[in-house]
Amino acid sequence: MPLLEVTQTRQISASIRLTDTTATQVDQYAAFIHASADDVVEQALAYVFSKDREFQDFLKSPDTRQAASRLRIRRPSASEASEAHAKRPASVAQPVASAAGLKA
């Protein structure tokens, strides 16, 4: 039985680097659970974040506000943003990203 369950959420694009071995395993796990590689990475990180007690304590500390951003986030251009908005039906609410879909 897979350890991760994937639910659709609003996403941004970010650039990360993985070793060949990890990238291959992400691809294989995605095939195993019939999901995208993006979903595997998202849910795996949410699972780790929710289980790491020291990280949870860090999030509650003042150090969190002082931490510099290290993730390379790709901001969509104005045309990409309006195109994505046009594709989304107005009657569908966008769910908030959470670790609720994870199995303990």
N, C-alpha and C. Protein backbone atom coordinates (compact mmCIF):
# COMPACT_ATOMS: atom_id res chain seq x y z
N MET A 1 0.85 -1.18 0.00
CA MET A 1 0.00 0.00 0.00
C MET A 1 0.89 1.24 0.00
N PRO A 2 0.60 2.24 -0.84
CA PRO A 2 1.42 3.45 -0.89
C PRO A 2 1.31 4.24 0.42
N LEU A 3 2.39 4.90 0.80
CA LEU A 3 2.40 5.75 2.00
C LEU A 3 1.81 7.13 1.74
N LEU A 4 1.71 7.54 0.48
CA LEU A 4 1.22 8.87 0.15
C LEU A 4 -0.09 8.78 -0.62
N GLU A 5 -1.00 9.71 -0.32
CA GLU A 5 -2.21 9.91 -1.11
C GLU A 5 -2.12 11.32 -1.68
N VAL A 6 -2.41 11.47 -2.94
CA VAL A 6 -2.24 12.75 -3.62
C VAL A 6 -3.59 13.42 -3.84
N THR A 7 -3.69 14.71 -3.47
CA THR A 7 -4.88 15.51 -3.74
C THR A 7 -4.44 16.74 -4.54
N GLN A 8 -5.33 17.27 -5.37
CA GLN A 8 -5.02 18.44 -6.19
C GLN A 8 -4.98 19.70 -5.33
N THR A 9 -3.96 20.54 -5.54
CA THR A 9 -3.80 21.79 -4.81
C THR A 9 -3.31 22.87 -5.76
N ARG A 10 -3.39 24.12 -5.33
CA ARG A 10 -2.84 25.24 -6.09
C ARG A 10 -1.32 25.14 -5.98
N GLN A 11 -0.62 25.29 -7.09
CA GLN A 11 0.82 25.09 -7.09
C GLN A 11 1.56 26.27 -7.68
N ILE A 12 2.83 26.39 -7.29
CA ILE A 12 3.77 27.33 -7.90
C ILE A 12 4.89 26.51 -8.51
N SER A 13 5.70 27.11 -9.36
CA SER A 13 6.85 26.42 -9.92
C SER A 13 8.10 26.82 -9.16
N ALA A 14 8.93 25.84 -8.84
CA ALA A 14 10.19 26.09 -8.15
C ALA A 14 11.24 25.17 -8.75
N SER A 15 12.48 25.59 -8.66
CA SER A 15 13.57 24.81 -9.23
C SER A 15 14.37 24.16 -8.11
N ILE A 16 14.54 22.83 -8.19
CA ILE A 16 15.37 22.10 -7.24
C ILE A 16 16.25 21.14 -8.02
N ARG A 17 17.29 20.64 -7.38
CA ARG A 17 18.16 19.65 -8.00
C ARG A 17 18.10 18.38 -7.18
N LEU A 18 18.09 17.24 -7.88
CA LEU A 18 18.06 15.93 -7.25
C LEU A 18 19.20 15.09 -7.82
N THR A 19 19.66 14.13 -7.04
CA THR A 19 20.62 13.18 -7.58
C THR A 19 19.91 12.29 -8.60
N ASP A 20 20.67 11.65 -9.47
CA ASP A 20 20.08 10.74 -10.45
C ASP A 20 19.25 9.66 -9.77
N THR A 21 19.78 9.10 -8.70
CA THR A 21 19.10 8.02 -7.99
C THR A 21 17.76 8.49 -7.43
N THR A 22 17.76 9.66 -6.79
CA THR A 22 16.53 10.18 -6.21
C THR A 22 15.52 10.51 -7.30
N ALA A 23 15.96 11.12 -8.39
CA ALA A 23 15.05 11.46 -9.48
C ALA A 23 14.42 10.19 -10.07
N THR A 24 15.21 9.15 -10.21
CA THR A 24 14.69 7.88 -10.72
C THR A 24 13.65 7.31 -9.77
N GLN A 25 13.94 7.35 -8.47
CA GLN A 25 12.99 6.82 -7.49
C GLN A 25 11.71 7.64 -7.43
N VAL A 26 11.81 8.96 -7.59
CA VAL A 26 10.61 9.80 -7.64
C VAL A 26 9.75 9.37 -8.83
N ASP A 27 10.38 9.18 -9.98
CA ASP A 27 9.66 8.72 -11.17
C ASP A 27 9.01 7.35 -10.93
N GLN A 28 9.75 6.45 -10.34
CA GLN A 28 9.23 5.10 -10.09
C GLN A 28 8.08 5.13 -9.09
N TYR A 29 8.20 5.95 -8.04
CA TYR A 29 7.13 6.04 -7.05
C TYR A 29 5.89 6.67 -7.67
N ALA A 30 6.09 7.65 -8.54
CA ALA A 30 4.96 8.28 -9.23
C ALA A 30 4.22 7.24 -10.07
N ALA A 31 4.95 6.39 -10.77
CA ALA A 31 4.32 5.33 -11.55
C ALA A 31 3.60 4.34 -10.63
N PHE A 32 4.20 4.04 -9.50
CA PHE A 32 3.63 3.11 -8.53
C PHE A 32 2.28 3.58 -8.00
N ILE A 33 2.17 4.89 -7.72
CA ILE A 33 0.91 5.40 -7.15
C ILE A 33 0.04 6.09 -8.20
N HIS A 34 0.44 6.02 -9.47
CA HIS A 34 -0.33 6.62 -10.57
C HIS A 34 -0.55 8.12 -10.35
N ALA A 35 0.56 8.83 -10.12
CA ALA A 35 0.51 10.27 -9.88
C ALA A 35 1.68 10.91 -10.63
N SER A 36 1.74 12.23 -10.57
CA SER A 36 2.86 12.92 -11.20
C SER A 36 4.05 12.97 -10.24
N ALA A 37 5.23 13.19 -10.79
CA ALA A 37 6.43 13.33 -9.98
C ALA A 37 6.29 14.55 -9.06
N ASP A 38 5.65 15.61 -9.55
CA ASP A 38 5.42 16.79 -8.72
C ASP A 38 4.61 16.43 -7.48
N ASP A 39 3.57 15.62 -7.67
CA ASP A 39 2.72 15.22 -6.54
C ASP A 39 3.50 14.39 -5.53
N VAL A 40 4.38 13.53 -6.01
CA VAL A 40 5.19 12.70 -5.11
C VAL A 40 6.08 13.58 -4.25
N VAL A 41 6.78 14.52 -4.87
CA VAL A 41 7.68 15.41 -4.12
C VAL A 41 6.88 16.25 -3.13
N GLU A 42 5.77 16.83 -3.57
CA GLU A 42 4.91 17.65 -2.70
C GLU A 42 4.46 16.89 -1.46
N GLN A 43 3.91 15.71 -1.68
CA GLN A 43 3.36 14.94 -0.56
C GLN A 43 4.45 14.36 0.34
N ALA A 44 5.58 13.97 -0.25
CA ALA A 44 6.69 13.46 0.55
C ALA A 44 7.23 14.54 1.48
N LEU A 45 7.38 15.76 0.95
CA LEU A 45 7.86 16.86 1.78
C LEU A 45 6.84 17.23 2.86
N ALA A 46 5.56 17.28 2.50
CA ALA A 46 4.53 17.59 3.49
C ALA A 46 4.54 16.55 4.61
N TYR A 47 4.75 15.29 4.24
CA TYR A 47 4.80 14.21 5.24
C TYR A 47 5.98 14.41 6.19
N VAL A 48 7.17 14.69 5.63
CA VAL A 48 8.36 14.89 6.45
C VAL A 48 8.17 16.11 7.36
N PHE A 49 7.66 17.21 6.80
CA PHE A 49 7.46 18.42 7.61
C PHE A 49 6.52 18.17 8.77
N SER A 50 5.46 17.40 8.53
CA SER A 50 4.47 17.16 9.58
C SER A 50 4.99 16.22 10.66
N LYS A 51 5.95 15.38 10.35
CA LYS A 51 6.47 14.39 11.30
C LYS A 51 7.70 14.86 12.07
N ASP A 52 8.37 15.90 11.60
CA ASP A 52 9.60 16.38 12.23
C ASP A 52 9.27 17.35 13.37
N ARG A 53 9.36 16.86 14.59
CA ARG A 53 9.00 17.68 15.76
C ARG A 53 9.92 18.88 15.94
N GLU A 54 11.21 18.72 15.68
CA GLU A 54 12.13 19.86 15.79
C GLU A 54 11.78 20.94 14.78
N PHE A 55 11.39 20.55 13.57
CA PHE A 55 10.98 21.52 12.56
C PHE A 55 9.71 22.23 12.99
N GLN A 56 8.76 21.50 13.56
CA GLN A 56 7.53 22.11 14.05
C GLN A 56 7.84 23.15 15.13
N ASP A 57 8.79 22.85 16.01
CA ASP A 57 9.20 23.81 17.03
C ASP A 57 9.86 25.03 16.39
N PHE A 58 10.69 24.80 15.37
CA PHE A 58 11.34 25.89 14.66
C PHE A 58 10.30 26.83 14.04
N LEU A 59 9.24 26.25 13.47
CA LEU A 59 8.20 27.06 12.84
C LEU A 59 7.51 27.98 13.85
N LYS A 60 7.48 27.59 15.10
CA LYS A 60 6.85 28.40 16.15
C LYS A 60 7.80 29.43 16.74
N SER A 61 9.08 29.37 16.39
CA SER A 61 10.08 30.26 16.98
C SER A 61 10.23 31.54 16.16
N PRO A 62 10.81 32.58 16.77
CA PRO A 62 11.07 33.82 16.04
C PRO A 62 12.08 33.63 14.90
N ASP A 63 12.89 32.57 14.97
CA ASP A 63 13.89 32.30 13.92
C ASP A 63 13.24 32.09 12.56
N THR A 64 12.00 31.64 12.55
CA THR A 64 11.30 31.37 11.29
C THR A 64 11.20 32.64 10.46
N ARG A 65 10.87 33.76 11.07
CA ARG A 65 10.70 35.01 10.34
C ARG A 65 12.02 35.54 9.79
N GLN A 66 13.13 35.16 10.43
CA GLN A 66 14.43 35.67 10.02
C GLN A 66 15.12 34.77 8.98
N ALA A 67 14.56 33.60 8.74
CA ALA A 67 15.18 32.66 7.79
C ALA A 67 15.07 33.20 6.37
N ALA A 68 16.20 33.19 5.67
CA ALA A 68 16.23 33.66 4.29
C ALA A 68 15.66 32.59 3.37
N SER A 69 14.95 33.01 2.35
CA SER A 69 14.40 32.08 1.38
C SER A 69 15.52 31.46 0.55
N ARG A 70 15.49 30.15 0.42
CA ARG A 70 16.53 29.44 -0.34
C ARG A 70 15.96 28.74 -1.56
N LEU A 71 14.65 28.79 -1.72
CA LEU A 71 13.99 28.12 -2.83
C LEU A 71 13.91 29.08 -4.01
N ARG A 72 14.24 28.57 -5.19
CA ARG A 72 14.16 29.39 -6.41
C ARG A 72 12.75 29.24 -6.97
N ILE A 73 11.89 30.22 -6.68
CA ILE A 73 10.49 30.18 -7.12
C ILE A 73 10.39 30.89 -8.45
N ARG A 74 9.72 30.25 -9.39
CA ARG A 74 9.50 30.83 -10.72
C ARG A 74 8.16 31.53 -10.72
N ARG A 75 8.19 32.84 -10.87
CA ARG A 75 6.97 33.64 -10.93
C ARG A 75 6.43 33.61 -12.36
N PRO A 76 5.14 33.31 -12.54
CA PRO A 76 4.61 33.31 -13.91
C PRO A 76 4.55 34.72 -14.47
N SER A 77 4.72 34.81 -15.79
CA SER A 77 4.59 36.10 -16.45
C SER A 77 3.12 36.50 -16.41
N ALA A 78 2.81 37.74 -16.74
CA ALA A 78 1.43 38.22 -16.71
C ALA A 78 0.55 37.41 -17.66
N SER A 79 1.09 37.04 -18.83
CA SER A 79 0.29 36.27 -19.80
C SER A 79 0.04 34.85 -19.30
N GLU A 80 1.04 34.23 -18.64
CA GLU A 80 0.86 32.89 -18.08
C GLU A 80 -0.17 32.90 -16.97
N ALA A 81 -0.12 33.92 -16.12
CA ALA A 81 -1.05 34.02 -15.00
C ALA A 81 -2.48 34.20 -15.49
N SER A 82 -2.69 35.06 -16.49
CA SER A 82 -4.04 35.28 -17.00
C SER A 82 -4.54 34.06 -17.75
N GLU A 83 -3.64 33.35 -18.44
CA GLU A 83 -4.01 32.13 -19.16
C GLU A 83 -4.43 31.03 -18.18
N ALA A 84 -3.69 30.88 -17.09
CA ALA A 84 -4.04 29.88 -16.07
C ALA A 84 -5.37 30.23 -15.42
N HIS A 85 -5.61 31.52 -15.18
CA HIS A 85 -6.87 31.95 -14.57
C HIS A 85 -8.04 31.68 -15.51
N ALA A 86 -7.82 31.89 -16.81
CA ALA A 86 -8.89 31.68 -17.79
C ALA A 86 -9.26 30.21 -17.90
N LYS A 87 -8.32 29.29 -17.69
CA LYS A 87 -8.58 27.86 -17.80
C LYS A 87 -9.34 27.31 -16.61
N ARG A 88 -9.30 28.02 -15.47
CA ARG A 88 -9.94 27.54 -14.25
C ARG A 88 -11.39 27.96 -14.22
N PRO A 89 -12.33 27.01 -14.04
CA PRO A 89 -13.74 27.38 -13.94
C PRO A 89 -13.97 28.26 -12.70
N ALA A 90 -14.78 29.30 -12.86
CA ALA A 90 -15.03 30.23 -11.76
C ALA A 90 -15.76 29.57 -10.60
N SER A 91 -16.52 28.53 -10.86
CA SER A 91 -17.31 27.91 -9.79
C SER A 91 -16.52 26.91 -8.95
N VAL A 92 -15.27 26.64 -9.32
CA VAL A 92 -14.47 25.65 -8.60
C VAL A 92 -13.55 26.36 -7.62
N ALA A 93 -13.67 26.04 -6.36
CA ALA A 93 -12.81 26.62 -5.34
C ALA A 93 -11.46 25.92 -5.38
N GLN A 94 -10.38 26.67 -5.21
CA GLN A 94 -9.05 26.09 -5.19
C GLN A 94 -8.73 25.62 -3.77
N PRO A 95 -8.41 24.33 -3.58
CA PRO A 95 -8.08 23.84 -2.25
C PRO A 95 -6.74 24.38 -1.78
N VAL A 96 -6.57 24.45 -0.48
CA VAL A 96 -5.34 24.92 0.13
C VAL A 96 -4.42 23.72 0.33
N ALA A 97 -3.13 23.91 0.06
CA ALA A 97 -2.17 22.83 0.24
C ALA A 97 -2.10 22.44 1.72
N SER A 98 -2.15 21.15 1.98
CA SER A 98 -2.04 20.68 3.35
C SER A 98 -1.52 19.26 3.37
N ALA A 99 -1.18 18.80 4.53
CA ALA A 99 -0.71 17.42 4.70
C ALA A 99 -1.88 16.51 5.09
N ALA A 100 -3.11 16.96 4.91
CA ALA A 100 -4.27 16.18 5.34
C ALA A 100 -4.42 14.88 4.58
N GLY A 101 -3.90 14.82 3.35
CA GLY A 101 -4.04 13.62 2.56
C GLY A 101 -3.00 12.56 2.86
N LEU A 102 -2.21 12.75 3.91
CA LEU A 102 -1.15 11.81 4.21
C LEU A 102 -1.62 10.73 5.17
N LYS A 103 -1.04 9.57 5.02
CA LYS A 103 -1.30 8.47 5.95
C LYS A 103 -0.21 8.48 7.01
N ALA A 104 -0.57 8.21 8.25
CA ALA A 104 0.42 8.19 9.31
C ALA A 104 1.14 6.87 9.37
